[in-house]
Every structure is written in C-alpha cells, then in structure tokens.
Amino acid sequence: MDPVAPKVVVSKNGPYIVTGSVPVAVETIATNEEGGSWEWVRGRSFPAAPAVRLCRCGGSSNKPFCDGTHLSNGFDGTEVASRASFAEQAEVINGPSLELFDAQSFCVGARFCDNFGSAWNLVEESGARARELVTHEVLRCPSGRLVLRDNHTGAVLEPELAPSIGVVEDPSEDRSGPLWVRGKIPVHSANGTPYEVRNRVTLCRCGKSQNKPFCDGSHFAAGFKDGLF
C-alpha cells in the first residue's frame, strides 16, 4: 500500500487534522549576543501517528494537540485569509545581487529579519557579507513572508525543509507561537479548497489571528503560552 501523502486540513471551528505521519517537534527561537532572533533549536519531539489533531483554538489542556475545548469555548475559526498567491501579494525590493519578496500579511513577528539593520536594508547593499547576512535571516523566516531570488541565476533561495511541523516557542518574548508547516505540505480549507502550496507557512494556534488559518502575530498581544518551554 502506498503511504499517505502529508496533508493538513483546517476543520470548521475545530483543530487542524494532520495526516501522513508528519513529524511534530518543538522549535525554539534562539537569540544572538545582541538579543536578536538568530537560529532555530530543535526541542522535544512528539510521537508520530498516521493522523493527529492539533489545537487551533488556543484552549486545549493537551497542547499542541486538540482535547475538544473548541466545542465549549466559543471558538470562531472562520477562515478569512486571502486566496491570492504569494507572488500576487508580495512587494519586491531590488538589490544588486538579490531580490527580496515581501508579503506582509504572513508576518508572525519571529524577528529574524531585524538583525544588522534589517533584511530590507541588507538586500540593497553590495558585497558578500551583506548577501550572507540577508540570506541567513530570510531563510529562517518561518512563515515565508520573506523570500529571496538570485538576480543572476533567477533561482529562488529556499531552505531545504523535510515535510514536518514545528511547534514554535519564543522564550525571549515569553510567548508561544504558531505551527510552522514545512516541506510543501498542502493545507486545505474546511470547505476542501487548497491554499497555495509553499515550502514554509505558519498556522495560528492561539485562536486570535485576524488572518486565519495563518498566524498574524496575535499570540503576542494575547499572551499565548502553551507551557512547553
């Protein structure tokens, strides 16, 4: 029997239903000496299963898994995110060796882009060091809000990510973040319509995003903490 391909389905006012034995693990934002977001650190892994239900209302007592709390806490999980493609939403910043594509609606506030004067400034600078820094920053953006393309080859620069889901933790801000869906796992709406398949996307799990099912950084104002860090 062929293995089931990984997929995430957004259930109506309920959890994310993940099929295909997708690995799930904690991913923590580690900071540099200046306190900026700089690297991802893999943490606890959860037992793999052919299908799991991951909480998106923010209320489960068994995070990151659903425990049915959405049935009693009035969770409204209505999907409102644009169906426009990333390319249609993104602004383009042209640099001497790289182009930076920026679709702001996907921002989750992970802050990798803020170091060394910001990715937007670095991409406009020339030289190997600026290119190295902006590439480091942009490839660690979990939501793929930021994407780089090489001006000379036309190649899009993307991290190599196996199909997996990261449970984002942000201890320097004392917050828990979104579900980081990686490796081109398809995400389907509750009505069956697929979203654009991308290498990296972030799904809301605090229940407060105004761009559901995607994270918009609302976990900061909501004070969302899942007890996993």
C-alpha atoms as a PDB file:
ATOM      1  CA  MET A   1       0.000   0.000   0.000  1.00  0.00           C
ATOM      2  CA  ASP A   2       1.327   3.453  -0.891  1.00  0.00           C
ATOM      3  CA  PRO A   3       1.995   5.727   2.093  1.00  0.00           C
ATOM      4  CA  VAL A   4      -0.489   8.527   2.714  1.00  0.00           C
ATOM      5  CA  ALA A   5       0.872  11.854   1.489  1.00  0.00           C
ATOM      6  CA  PRO A   6       1.205  14.524   4.218  1.00  0.00           C
ATOM      7  CA  LYS A   7      -1.702  16.966   4.397  1.00  0.00           C
ATOM      8  CA  VAL A   8      -3.203  19.486   6.813  1.00  0.00           C
ATOM      9  CA  VAL A   9      -6.962  20.055   6.810  1.00  0.00           C
ATOM     10  CA  VAL A  10      -8.456  23.028   8.650  1.00  0.00           C
ATOM     11  CA  SER A  11     -11.636  21.724  10.264  1.00  0.00           C
ATOM     12  CA  LYS A  12     -14.605  24.051  10.708  1.00  0.00           C
ATOM     13  CA  ASN A  13     -14.218  25.802  14.094  1.00  0.00           C
ATOM     14  CA  GLY A  14     -12.032  22.918  15.165  1.00  0.00           C
ATOM     15  CA  PRO A  15      -8.477  21.597  15.025  1.00  0.00           C
ATOM     16  CA  TYR A  16      -6.014  21.051  12.226  1.00  0.00           C
ATOM     17  CA  ILE A  17      -6.269  17.458  11.089  1.00  0.00           C
ATOM     18  CA  VAL A  18      -2.818  16.293  10.014  1.00  0.00           C
ATOM     19  CA  THR A  19      -2.454  13.058   8.079  1.00  0.00           C
ATOM     20  CA  GLY A  20       0.512  11.237   6.607  1.00  0.00           C
ATOM     21  CA  SER A  21       2.564  10.548   9.770  1.00  0.00           C
ATOM     22  CA  VAL A  22       4.034  14.056   9.762  1.00  0.00           C
ATOM     23  CA  PRO A  23       6.800  14.571  12.367  1.00  0.00           C
ATOM     24  CA  VAL A  24       5.912  17.196  15.007  1.00  0.00           C
ATOM     25  CA  ALA A  25       8.530  18.795  17.265  1.00  0.00           C
ATOM     26  CA  VAL A  26       9.121  21.936  19.308  1.00  0.00           C
ATOM     27  CA  GLU A  27      11.170  24.597  17.502  1.00  0.00           C
ATOM     28  CA  THR A  28      12.594  27.348  19.713  1.00  0.00           C
ATOM     29  CA  ILE A  29      13.836  30.750  18.558  1.00  0.00           C
ATOM     30  CA  ALA A  30      17.375  31.228  19.898  1.00  0.00           C
ATOM     31  CA  THR A  31      18.926  34.687  20.090  1.00  0.00           C
ATOM     32  CA  ASN A  32      22.361  36.083  19.309  1.00  0.00           C
ATOM     33  CA  GLU A  33      24.539  38.169  21.652  1.00  0.00           C
ATOM     34  CA  GLU A  34      22.533  41.284  20.785  1.00  0.00           C
ATOM     35  CA  GLY A  35      19.252  39.586  21.674  1.00  0.00           C
ATOM     36  CA  GLY A  36      18.052  39.250  18.085  1.00  0.00           C
ATOM     37  CA  SER A  37      16.388  36.145  16.710  1.00  0.00           C
ATOM     38  CA  TRP A  38      19.144  34.184  15.032  1.00  0.00           C
ATOM     39  CA  GLU A  39      18.708  30.407  14.916  1.00  0.00           C
ATOM     40  CA  TRP A  40      16.197  27.614  15.359  1.00  0.00           C
ATOM     41  CA  VAL A  41      16.819  24.993  18.047  1.00  0.00           C
ATOM     42  CA  ARG A  42      15.003  21.672  17.816  1.00  0.00           C
ATOM     43  CA  GLY A  43      13.415  20.526  21.062  1.00  0.00           C
ATOM     44  CA  ARG A  44      11.023  17.854  22.188  1.00  0.00           C
ATOM     45  CA  SER A  45       9.553  15.560  19.543  1.00  0.00           C
ATOM     46  CA  PHE A  46       6.063  14.121  19.780  1.00  0.00           C
ATOM     47  CA  PRO A  47       5.191  10.524  18.870  1.00  0.00           C
ATOM     48  CA  ALA A  48       4.426  10.148  15.170  1.00  0.00           C
ATOM     49  CA  ALA A  49       0.970   8.949  14.181  1.00  0.00           C
ATOM     50  CA  PRO A  50      -0.877   8.420  10.888  1.00  0.00           C
ATOM     51  CA  ALA A  51      -3.288  11.197  11.893  1.00  0.00           C
ATOM     52  CA  VAL A  52      -3.222  13.829  14.650  1.00  0.00           C
ATOM     53  CA  ARG A  53      -5.462  16.719  15.637  1.00  0.00           C
ATOM     54  CA  LEU A  54      -3.552  19.888  16.503  1.00  0.00           C
ATOM     55  CA  CYS A  55      -5.223  22.619  18.560  1.00  0.00           C
ATOM     56  CA  ARG A  56      -6.011  25.914  16.847  1.00  0.00           C
ATOM     57  CA  CYS A  57      -8.382  27.489  19.384  1.00  0.00           C
ATOM     58  CA  GLY A  58      -5.615  28.048  21.933  1.00  0.00           C
ATOM     59  CA  GLY A  59      -7.587  26.460  24.754  1.00  0.00           C
ATOM     60  CA  SER A  60      -6.511  22.826  24.820  1.00  0.00           C
ATOM     61  CA  SER A  61      -5.048  21.442  28.032  1.00  0.00           C
ATOM     62  CA  ASN A  62      -3.037  18.983  25.953  1.00  0.00           C
ATOM     63  CA  LYS A  63      -1.191  21.370  23.617  1.00  0.00           C
ATOM     64  CA  PRO A  64      -0.195  21.096  20.864  1.00  0.00           C
ATOM     65  CA  PHE A  65      -2.929  18.508  20.490  1.00  0.00           C
ATOM     66  CA  CYS A  66      -6.669  19.146  20.496  1.00  0.00           C
ATOM     67  CA  ASP A  67      -8.671  17.984  23.525  1.00  0.00           C
ATOM     68  CA  GLY A  68     -12.080  19.165  22.327  1.00  0.00           C
ATOM     69  CA  THR A  69     -12.043  22.511  24.160  1.00  0.00           C
ATOM     70  CA  HIS A  70     -13.150  24.293  20.965  1.00  0.00           C
ATOM     71  CA  LEU A  71     -16.567  22.712  21.470  1.00  0.00           C
ATOM     72  CA  SER A  72     -17.139  24.638  24.700  1.00  0.00           C
ATOM     73  CA  ASN A  73     -15.139  27.874  24.476  1.00  0.00           C
ATOM     74  CA  GLY A  74     -16.990  29.511  21.591  1.00  0.00           C
ATOM     75  CA  PHE A  75     -14.047  29.356  19.218  1.00  0.00           C
ATOM     76  CA  ASP A  76     -14.719  31.008  15.864  1.00  0.00           C
ATOM     77  CA  GLY A  77     -12.223  29.601  13.401  1.00  0.00           C
ATOM     78  CA  THR A  78     -13.659  31.238  10.291  1.00  0.00           C
ATOM     79  CA  GLU A  79     -11.027  31.347   7.559  1.00  0.00           C
ATOM     80  CA  VAL A  80     -10.503  34.850   6.178  1.00  0.00           C
ATOM     81  CA  ALA A  81      -7.030  34.697   4.574  1.00  0.00           C
ATOM     82  CA  SER A  82      -6.664  35.907   1.014  1.00  0.00           C
ATOM     83  CA  ARG A  83      -6.587  33.301  -1.716  1.00  0.00           C
ATOM     84  CA  ALA A  84      -4.181  35.417  -3.749  1.00  0.00           C
ATOM     85  CA  SER A  85      -0.831  33.767  -4.370  1.00  0.00           C
ATOM     86  CA  PHE A  86       2.331  34.801  -2.573  1.00  0.00           C
ATOM     87  CA  ALA A  87       3.622  36.396  -5.771  1.00  0.00           C
ATOM     88  CA  GLU A  88       0.431  38.434  -6.119  1.00  0.00           C
ATOM     89  CA  GLN A  89       0.673  39.717  -2.537  1.00  0.00           C
ATOM     90  CA  ALA A  90       4.405  40.398  -2.347  1.00  0.00           C
ATOM     91  CA  GLU A  91       6.199  43.699  -2.771  1.00  0.00           C
ATOM     92  CA  VAL A  92       9.615  43.461  -4.419  1.00  0.00           C
ATOM     93  CA  ILE A  93      12.796  45.155  -3.206  1.00  0.00           C
ATOM     94  CA  ASN A  94      15.572  45.100  -5.783  1.00  0.00           C
ATOM     95  CA  GLY A  95      19.193  44.797  -4.696  1.00  0.00           C
ATOM     96  CA  PRO A  96      22.471  44.476  -6.577  1.00  0.00           C
ATOM     97  CA  SER A  97      22.583  40.677  -6.347  1.00  0.00           C
ATOM     98  CA  LEU A  98      19.254  39.633  -4.808  1.00  0.00           C
ATOM     99  CA  GLU A  99      15.558  40.490  -4.969  1.00  0.00           C
ATOM    100  CA  LEU A 100      13.535  40.408  -1.752  1.00  0.00           C
ATOM    101  CA  PHE A 101       9.860  39.482  -1.978  1.00  0.00           C
ATOM    102  CA  ASP A 102       7.783  40.620   0.999  1.00  0.00           C
ATOM    103  CA  ALA A 103       4.165  39.524   1.598  1.00  0.00           C
ATOM    104  CA  GLN A 104       3.483  41.356   4.847  1.00  0.00           C
ATOM    105  CA  SER A 105       0.188  39.629   5.647  1.00  0.00           C
ATOM    106  CA  PHE A 106       2.114  36.453   6.517  1.00  0.00           C
ATOM    107  CA  CYS A 107       4.284  38.094   9.207  1.00  0.00           C
ATOM    108  CA  VAL A 108       4.339  36.273  12.551  1.00  0.00           C
ATOM    109  CA  GLY A 109       6.832  38.511  14.351  1.00  0.00           C
ATOM    110  CA  ALA A 110       9.680  35.992  14.566  1.00  0.00           C
ATOM    111  CA  ARG A 111      12.167  38.880  14.068  1.00  0.00           C
ATOM    112  CA  PHE A 112      14.954  37.051  12.210  1.00  0.00           C
ATOM    113  CA  CYS A 113      14.761  39.878   9.664  1.00  0.00           C
ATOM    114  CA  ASP A 114      15.662  42.615  12.165  1.00  0.00           C
ATOM    115  CA  ASN A 115      19.390  41.989  12.634  1.00  0.00           C
ATOM    116  CA  PHE A 116      22.173  44.144  11.193  1.00  0.00           C
ATOM    117  CA  GLY A 117      19.871  46.942  10.130  1.00  0.00           C
ATOM    118  CA  SER A 118      17.143  44.626   8.770  1.00  0.00           C
ATOM    119  CA  ALA A 119      16.824  42.384   5.750  1.00  0.00           C
ATOM    120  CA  TRP A 120      15.292  45.225   3.719  1.00  0.00           C
ATOM    121  CA  ASN A 121      18.417  47.342   4.120  1.00  0.00           C
ATOM    122  CA  LEU A 122      20.854  44.451   3.708  1.00  0.00           C
ATOM    123  CA  VAL A 123      19.392  43.345   0.379  1.00  0.00           C
ATOM    124  CA  GLU A 124      20.128  46.795  -1.066  1.00  0.00           C
ATOM    125  CA  GLU A 125      23.792  46.621  -0.058  1.00  0.00           C
ATOM    126  CA  SER A 126      26.561  45.151  -2.188  1.00  0.00           C
ATOM    127  CA  GLY A 127      29.235  42.718  -1.053  1.00  0.00           C
ATOM    128  CA  ALA A 128      29.486  39.129   0.094  1.00  0.00           C
ATOM    129  CA  ARG A 129      28.897  39.871   3.780  1.00  0.00           C
ATOM    130  CA  ALA A 130      25.581  41.652   3.204  1.00  0.00           C
ATOM    131  CA  ARG A 131      24.434  38.819   0.950  1.00  0.00           C
ATOM    132  CA  GLU A 132      25.432  36.234   3.573  1.00  0.00           C
ATOM    133  CA  LEU A 133      23.566  38.047   6.340  1.00  0.00           C
ATOM    134  CA  VAL A 134      20.348  38.691   4.436  1.00  0.00           C
ATOM    135  CA  THR A 135      20.298  35.083   3.225  1.00  0.00           C
ATOM    136  CA  HIS A 136      20.760  33.818   6.787  1.00  0.00           C
ATOM    137  CA  GLU A 137      17.900  35.996   8.025  1.00  0.00           C
ATOM    138  CA  VAL A 138      15.389  35.407   5.254  1.00  0.00           C
ATOM    139  CA  LEU A 139      15.822  31.638   5.057  1.00  0.00           C
ATOM    140  CA  ARG A 140      14.932  31.408   8.765  1.00  0.00           C
ATOM    141  CA  CYS A 141      11.664  33.316   8.378  1.00  0.00           C
ATOM    142  CA  PRO A 142       9.170  30.595   9.377  1.00  0.00           C
ATOM    143  CA  SER A 143       6.152  31.943   7.522  1.00  0.00           C
ATOM    144  CA  GLY A 144       7.898  32.610   4.240  1.00  0.00           C
ATOM    145  CA  ARG A 145       6.757  36.235   4.404  1.00  0.00           C
ATOM    146  CA  LEU A 146      10.212  36.979   3.006  1.00  0.00           C
ATOM    147  CA  VAL A 147      11.681  35.170   0.004  1.00  0.00           C
ATOM    148  CA  LEU A 148      14.906  35.837  -1.907  1.00  0.00           C
ATOM    149  CA  ARG A 149      15.651  35.387  -5.597  1.00  0.00           C
ATOM    150  CA  ASP A 150      19.111  35.499  -7.149  1.00  0.00           C
ATOM    151  CA  ASN A 151      19.309  38.234  -9.796  1.00  0.00           C
ATOM    152  CA  HIS A 152      21.905  36.397 -11.861  1.00  0.00           C
ATOM    153  CA  THR A 153      20.511  32.859 -11.938  1.00  0.00           C
ATOM    154  CA  GLY A 154      16.823  33.581 -11.329  1.00  0.00           C
ATOM    155  CA  ALA A 155      16.803  30.858  -8.676  1.00  0.00           C
ATOM    156  CA  VAL A 156      14.591  31.267  -5.623  1.00  0.00           C
ATOM    157  CA  LEU A 157      16.575  30.706  -2.426  1.00  0.00           C
ATOM    158  CA  GLU A 158      14.705  28.399  -0.070  1.00  0.00           C
ATOM    159  CA  PRO A 159      15.825  26.301   2.899  1.00  0.00           C
ATOM    160  CA  GLU A 160      15.715  22.542   2.462  1.00  0.00           C
ATOM    161  CA  LEU A 161      12.863  21.502   4.729  1.00  0.00           C
ATOM    162  CA  ALA A 162      11.541  17.970   5.068  1.00  0.00           C
ATOM    163  CA  PRO A 163       7.769  17.609   5.492  1.00  0.00           C
ATOM    164  CA  SER A 164       7.278  18.331   9.195  1.00  0.00           C
ATOM    165  CA  ILE A 165       5.559  20.646  11.660  1.00  0.00           C
ATOM    166  CA  GLY A 166       7.321  22.803  14.224  1.00  0.00           C
ATOM    167  CA  VAL A 167       5.601  23.994  17.393  1.00  0.00           C
ATOM    168  CA  VAL A 168       7.127  27.461  17.680  1.00  0.00           C
ATOM    169  CA  GLU A 169       8.355  28.722  21.038  1.00  0.00           C
ATOM    170  CA  ASP A 170       9.668  32.264  21.590  1.00  0.00           C
ATOM    171  CA  PRO A 171      11.117  32.344  25.130  1.00  0.00           C
ATOM    172  CA  SER A 172      12.864  35.704  24.742  1.00  0.00           C
ATOM    173  CA  GLU A 173       9.380  37.244  24.363  1.00  0.00           C
ATOM    174  CA  ASP A 174       7.794  34.813  26.858  1.00  0.00           C
ATOM    175  CA  ARG A 175       5.348  33.663  24.196  1.00  0.00           C
ATOM    176  CA  SER A 176       4.410  30.566  22.237  1.00  0.00           C
ATOM    177  CA  GLY A 177       3.976  30.987  18.515  1.00  0.00           C
ATOM    178  CA  PRO A 178       2.328  29.299  15.548  1.00  0.00           C
ATOM    179  CA  LEU A 179       2.541  25.911  13.927  1.00  0.00           C
ATOM    180  CA  TRP A 180       5.373  26.017  11.391  1.00  0.00           C
ATOM    181  CA  VAL A 181       4.310  23.799   8.481  1.00  0.00           C
ATOM    182  CA  ARG A 182       7.320  22.874   6.354  1.00  0.00           C
ATOM    183  CA  GLY A 183       8.353  20.999   3.248  1.00  0.00           C
ATOM    184  CA  LYS A 184       5.453  21.882   0.943  1.00  0.00           C
ATOM    185  CA  ILE A 185       2.770  20.119   2.966  1.00  0.00           C
ATOM    186  CA  PRO A 186      -0.598  21.019   1.382  1.00  0.00           C
ATOM    187  CA  VAL A 187      -3.036  22.939   3.593  1.00  0.00           C
ATOM    188  CA  HIS A 188      -6.720  22.537   2.756  1.00  0.00           C
ATOM    189  CA  SER A 189      -9.588  24.721   3.884  1.00  0.00           C
ATOM    190  CA  ALA A 190     -12.557  23.341   5.786  1.00  0.00           C
ATOM    191  CA  ASN A 191     -14.519  23.538   2.518  1.00  0.00           C
ATOM    192  CA  GLY A 192     -11.907  21.409   0.749  1.00  0.00           C
ATOM    193  CA  THR A 193     -10.244  24.216  -1.193  1.00  0.00           C
ATOM    194  CA  PRO A 194      -6.436  24.018  -1.078  1.00  0.00           C
ATOM    195  CA  TYR A 195      -4.288  27.015  -0.243  1.00  0.00           C
ATOM    196  CA  GLU A 196      -1.197  27.707  -2.316  1.00  0.00           C
ATOM    197  CA  VAL A 197       1.389  25.029  -1.566  1.00  0.00           C
ATOM    198  CA  ARG A 198       4.534  26.635  -0.159  1.00  0.00           C
ATOM    199  CA  ASN A 199       7.762  25.413   1.412  1.00  0.00           C
ATOM    200  CA  ARG A 200       7.024  27.173   4.711  1.00  0.00           C
ATOM    201  CA  VAL A 201       3.820  28.557   6.181  1.00  0.00           C
ATOM    202  CA  THR A 202       2.668  29.301   9.718  1.00  0.00           C
ATOM    203  CA  LEU A 203      -0.771  28.438  11.061  1.00  0.00           C
ATOM    204  CA  CYS A 204      -2.420  30.184  14.017  1.00  0.00           C
ATOM    205  CA  ARG A 205      -2.772  28.144  17.198  1.00  0.00           C
ATOM    206  CA  CYS A 206      -3.651  30.851  19.741  1.00  0.00           C
ATOM    207  CA  GLY A 207      -7.080  31.290  18.147  1.00  0.00           C
ATOM    208  CA  LYS A 208      -6.772  35.083  17.846  1.00  0.00           C
ATOM    209  CA  SER A 209      -5.354  35.675  14.359  1.00  0.00           C
ATOM    210  CA  GLN A 210      -7.258  38.007  12.069  1.00  0.00           C
ATOM    211  CA  ASN A 211      -5.806  36.142   9.075  1.00  0.00           C
ATOM    212  CA  LYS A 212      -6.975  32.606   9.852  1.00  0.00           C
ATOM    213  CA  PRO A 213      -5.870  29.975   9.264  1.00  0.00           C
ATOM    214  CA  PHE A 214      -2.497  31.737   9.080  1.00  0.00           C
ATOM    215  CA  CYS A 215      -0.727  33.338  12.022  1.00  0.00           C
ATOM    216  CA  ASP A 216      -0.579  37.151  12.089  1.00  0.00           C
ATOM    217  CA  GLY A 217       1.381  37.578  15.328  1.00  0.00           C
ATOM    218  CA  SER A 218      -1.694  37.929  17.558  1.00  0.00           C
ATOM    219  CA  HIS A 219      -0.146  35.490  20.065  1.00  0.00           C
ATOM    220  CA  PHE A 220       1.955  38.382  21.404  1.00  0.00           C
ATOM    221  CA  ALA A 221      -0.991  40.582  22.418  1.00  0.00           C
ATOM    222  CA  ALA A 222      -2.961  37.528  23.521  1.00  0.00           C
ATOM    223  CA  GLY A 223      -0.217  36.463  25.930  1.00  0.00           C
ATOM    224  CA  PHE A 224      -0.316  32.964  24.494  1.00  0.00           C
ATOM    225  CA  LYS A 225       1.865  30.438  26.315  1.00  0.00           C
ATOM    226  CA  ASP A 226       1.446  26.709  25.900  1.00  0.00           C
ATOM    227  CA  GLY A 227       3.598  25.505  28.818  1.00  0.00           C
ATOM    228  CA  LEU A 228       6.092  23.711  26.564  1.00  0.00           C
ATOM    229  CA  PHE A 229       9.090  25.955  27.290  1.00  0.00           C
END
